[in-house]
Amino acid sequence: MRTVELLPDEATEARVRRVWGRLAESGMPSLAAHRQATNRPHLTLTTASELPWDVRSALAEALSALPLPLRLEGTLRFEGRTSVLAWPGVLRPRPG
């Protein structure tokens, strides 16, 4: 499985980790205790069984617009092997 993920700035990561901590304190499942880099807050753009080379170059070009001004808004719940609560990232208009 291949994924394309964006990592947040330090302030946003800290905000997400504070929420994870509050969830854990209230007895709810949380990633607060998982400090490995693979469990850090991120925004998954896509998942695929393969990521062909021609797609990789097009993806690199599209990602040249980074960083993007995003805000975390609402919540989503993904069901699967585990239940995941997530924030959707909503693109904010750039000033000007």
C-alpha atoms as a PDB file:
ATOM      1  CA  MET A   1       0.000   0.000   0.000  1.00  0.00           C
ATOM      2  CA  ARG A   2       1.303   3.423  -0.976  1.00  0.00           C
ATOM      3  CA  THR A   3       0.055   6.660   0.521  1.00  0.00           C
ATOM      4  CA  VAL A   4       0.596  10.320  -0.169  1.00  0.00           C
ATOM      5  CA  GLU A   5       0.447  12.299   3.063  1.00  0.00           C
ATOM      6  CA  LEU A   6       1.019  15.897   4.089  1.00  0.00           C
ATOM      7  CA  LEU A   7       2.473  16.753   7.501  1.00  0.00           C
ATOM      8  CA  PRO A   8       1.249  19.814   9.411  1.00  0.00           C
ATOM      9  CA  ASP A   9       3.276  22.684  10.768  1.00  0.00           C
ATOM     10  CA  GLU A  10       4.423  22.472  14.400  1.00  0.00           C
ATOM     11  CA  ALA A  11       1.519  24.539  15.770  1.00  0.00           C
ATOM     12  CA  THR A  12      -1.111  22.358  14.104  1.00  0.00           C
ATOM     13  CA  GLU A  13       0.645  19.169  15.195  1.00  0.00           C
ATOM     14  CA  ALA A  14       0.697  20.445  18.784  1.00  0.00           C
ATOM     15  CA  ARG A  15      -3.022  21.253  18.586  1.00  0.00           C
ATOM     16  CA  VAL A  16      -3.863  17.768  17.338  1.00  0.00           C
ATOM     17  CA  ARG A  17      -1.681  16.165  20.022  1.00  0.00           C
ATOM     18  CA  ARG A  18      -3.461  18.213  22.732  1.00  0.00           C
ATOM     19  CA  VAL A  19      -6.804  16.873  21.509  1.00  0.00           C
ATOM     20  CA  TRP A  20      -5.372  13.329  21.475  1.00  0.00           C
ATOM     21  CA  GLY A  21      -4.295  13.887  25.081  1.00  0.00           C
ATOM     22  CA  ARG A  22      -7.765  15.080  26.123  1.00  0.00           C
ATOM     23  CA  LEU A  23      -9.348  12.050  24.461  1.00  0.00           C
ATOM     24  CA  ALA A  24      -6.975   9.732  26.335  1.00  0.00           C
ATOM     25  CA  GLU A  25      -7.661  11.535  29.642  1.00  0.00           C
ATOM     26  CA  SER A  26     -11.386  10.950  29.158  1.00  0.00           C
ATOM     27  CA  GLY A  27     -10.825   7.226  28.560  1.00  0.00           C
ATOM     28  CA  MET A  28     -11.418   7.295  24.822  1.00  0.00           C
ATOM     29  CA  PRO A  29      -9.138   5.640  22.252  1.00  0.00           C
ATOM     30  CA  SER A  30      -6.367   7.998  21.197  1.00  0.00           C
ATOM     31  CA  LEU A  31      -2.956   8.076  19.551  1.00  0.00           C
ATOM     32  CA  ALA A  32      -1.623  10.174  22.446  1.00  0.00           C
ATOM     33  CA  ALA A  33       0.628   7.366  23.692  1.00  0.00           C
ATOM     34  CA  HIS A  34       1.955   6.501  20.208  1.00  0.00           C
ATOM     35  CA  ARG A  35       4.939   8.772  19.586  1.00  0.00           C
ATOM     36  CA  GLN A  36       6.420   6.927  16.589  1.00  0.00           C
ATOM     37  CA  ALA A  37       6.851   9.035  13.455  1.00  0.00           C
ATOM     38  CA  THR A  38       4.386   6.802  11.598  1.00  0.00           C
ATOM     39  CA  ASN A  39       1.631   7.886  14.010  1.00  0.00           C
ATOM     40  CA  ARG A  40       2.182  11.624  13.828  1.00  0.00           C
ATOM     41  CA  PRO A  41      -0.690  13.848  12.690  1.00  0.00           C
ATOM     42  CA  HIS A  42      -0.997  13.911   8.908  1.00  0.00           C
ATOM     43  CA  LEU A  43      -3.394  14.514   6.052  1.00  0.00           C
ATOM     44  CA  THR A  44      -3.764  11.534   3.723  1.00  0.00           C
ATOM     45  CA  LEU A  45      -4.292  12.682   0.142  1.00  0.00           C
ATOM     46  CA  THR A  46      -4.563   9.250  -1.443  1.00  0.00           C
ATOM     47  CA  THR A  47      -3.835   5.566  -1.035  1.00  0.00           C
ATOM     48  CA  ALA A  48      -3.054   3.119  -3.818  1.00  0.00           C
ATOM     49  CA  SER A  49      -1.679  -0.362  -4.271  1.00  0.00           C
ATOM     50  CA  GLU A  50       1.000   1.109  -6.566  1.00  0.00           C
ATOM     51  CA  LEU A  51       2.310   4.565  -7.418  1.00  0.00           C
ATOM     52  CA  PRO A  52       3.688   4.406 -10.991  1.00  0.00           C
ATOM     53  CA  TRP A  53       6.685   6.585 -11.890  1.00  0.00           C
ATOM     54  CA  ASP A  54       4.720   8.779 -14.315  1.00  0.00           C
ATOM     55  CA  VAL A  55       2.193   9.533 -11.589  1.00  0.00           C
ATOM     56  CA  ARG A  56       5.004  10.371  -9.159  1.00  0.00           C
ATOM     57  CA  SER A  57       6.368  13.125 -11.401  1.00  0.00           C
ATOM     58  CA  ALA A  58       2.894  14.616 -11.910  1.00  0.00           C
ATOM     59  CA  LEU A  59       2.326  14.425  -8.161  1.00  0.00           C
ATOM     60  CA  ALA A  60       5.630  16.180  -7.442  1.00  0.00           C
ATOM     61  CA  GLU A  61       4.596  18.987  -9.787  1.00  0.00           C
ATOM     62  CA  ALA A  62       1.173  19.321  -8.132  1.00  0.00           C
ATOM     63  CA  LEU A  63       2.753  19.412  -4.675  1.00  0.00           C
ATOM     64  CA  SER A  64       5.010  22.309  -5.669  1.00  0.00           C
ATOM     65  CA  ALA A  65       2.141  24.553  -4.488  1.00  0.00           C
ATOM     66  CA  LEU A  66       2.968  23.650  -0.868  1.00  0.00           C
ATOM     67  CA  PRO A  67       2.618  24.864   1.778  1.00  0.00           C
ATOM     68  CA  LEU A  68      -1.162  25.150   1.616  1.00  0.00           C
ATOM     69  CA  PRO A  69      -3.216  27.158   4.118  1.00  0.00           C
ATOM     70  CA  LEU A  70      -5.562  24.555   5.641  1.00  0.00           C
ATOM     71  CA  ARG A  71      -7.890  24.654   8.604  1.00  0.00           C
ATOM     72  CA  LEU A  72      -9.229  21.659  10.521  1.00  0.00           C
ATOM     73  CA  GLU A  73     -13.012  21.609  10.399  1.00  0.00           C
ATOM     74  CA  GLY A  74     -15.701  19.202  11.591  1.00  0.00           C
ATOM     75  CA  THR A  75     -14.999  15.527  12.175  1.00  0.00           C
ATOM     76  CA  LEU A  76     -15.141  12.300  10.176  1.00  0.00           C
ATOM     77  CA  ARG A  77     -15.334   8.725  11.412  1.00  0.00           C
ATOM     78  CA  PHE A  78     -13.707   5.969   9.361  1.00  0.00           C
ATOM     79  CA  GLU A  79     -14.730   2.376  10.049  1.00  0.00           C
ATOM     80  CA  GLY A  80     -12.471  -0.573   9.322  1.00  0.00           C
ATOM     81  CA  ARG A  81     -10.202  -2.775  11.433  1.00  0.00           C
ATOM     82  CA  THR A  82     -10.395   0.086  13.905  1.00  0.00           C
ATOM     83  CA  SER A  83     -12.596   3.129  14.178  1.00  0.00           C
ATOM     84  CA  VAL A  84     -10.782   6.382  13.370  1.00  0.00           C
ATOM     85  CA  LEU A  85     -11.957   9.877  14.208  1.00  0.00           C
ATOM     86  CA  ALA A  86     -10.434  12.476  11.889  1.00  0.00           C
ATOM     87  CA  TRP A  87     -10.591  16.156  11.034  1.00  0.00           C
ATOM     88  CA  PRO A  88     -11.063  17.084   7.401  1.00  0.00           C
ATOM     89  CA  GLY A  89      -8.561  19.628   6.125  1.00  0.00           C
ATOM     90  CA  VAL A  90     -10.326  22.506   4.383  1.00  0.00           C
ATOM     91  CA  LEU A  91      -8.332  24.739   2.042  1.00  0.00           C
ATOM     92  CA  ARG A  92      -8.427  28.404   3.097  1.00  0.00           C
ATOM     93  CA  PRO A  93      -8.311  31.057   0.398  1.00  0.00           C
ATOM     94  CA  ARG A  94      -4.965  32.814   0.191  1.00  0.00           C
ATOM     95  CA  PRO A  95      -5.066  36.525   1.049  1.00  0.00           C
ATOM     96  CA  GLY A  96      -4.997  38.949  -1.856  1.00  0.00           C
END
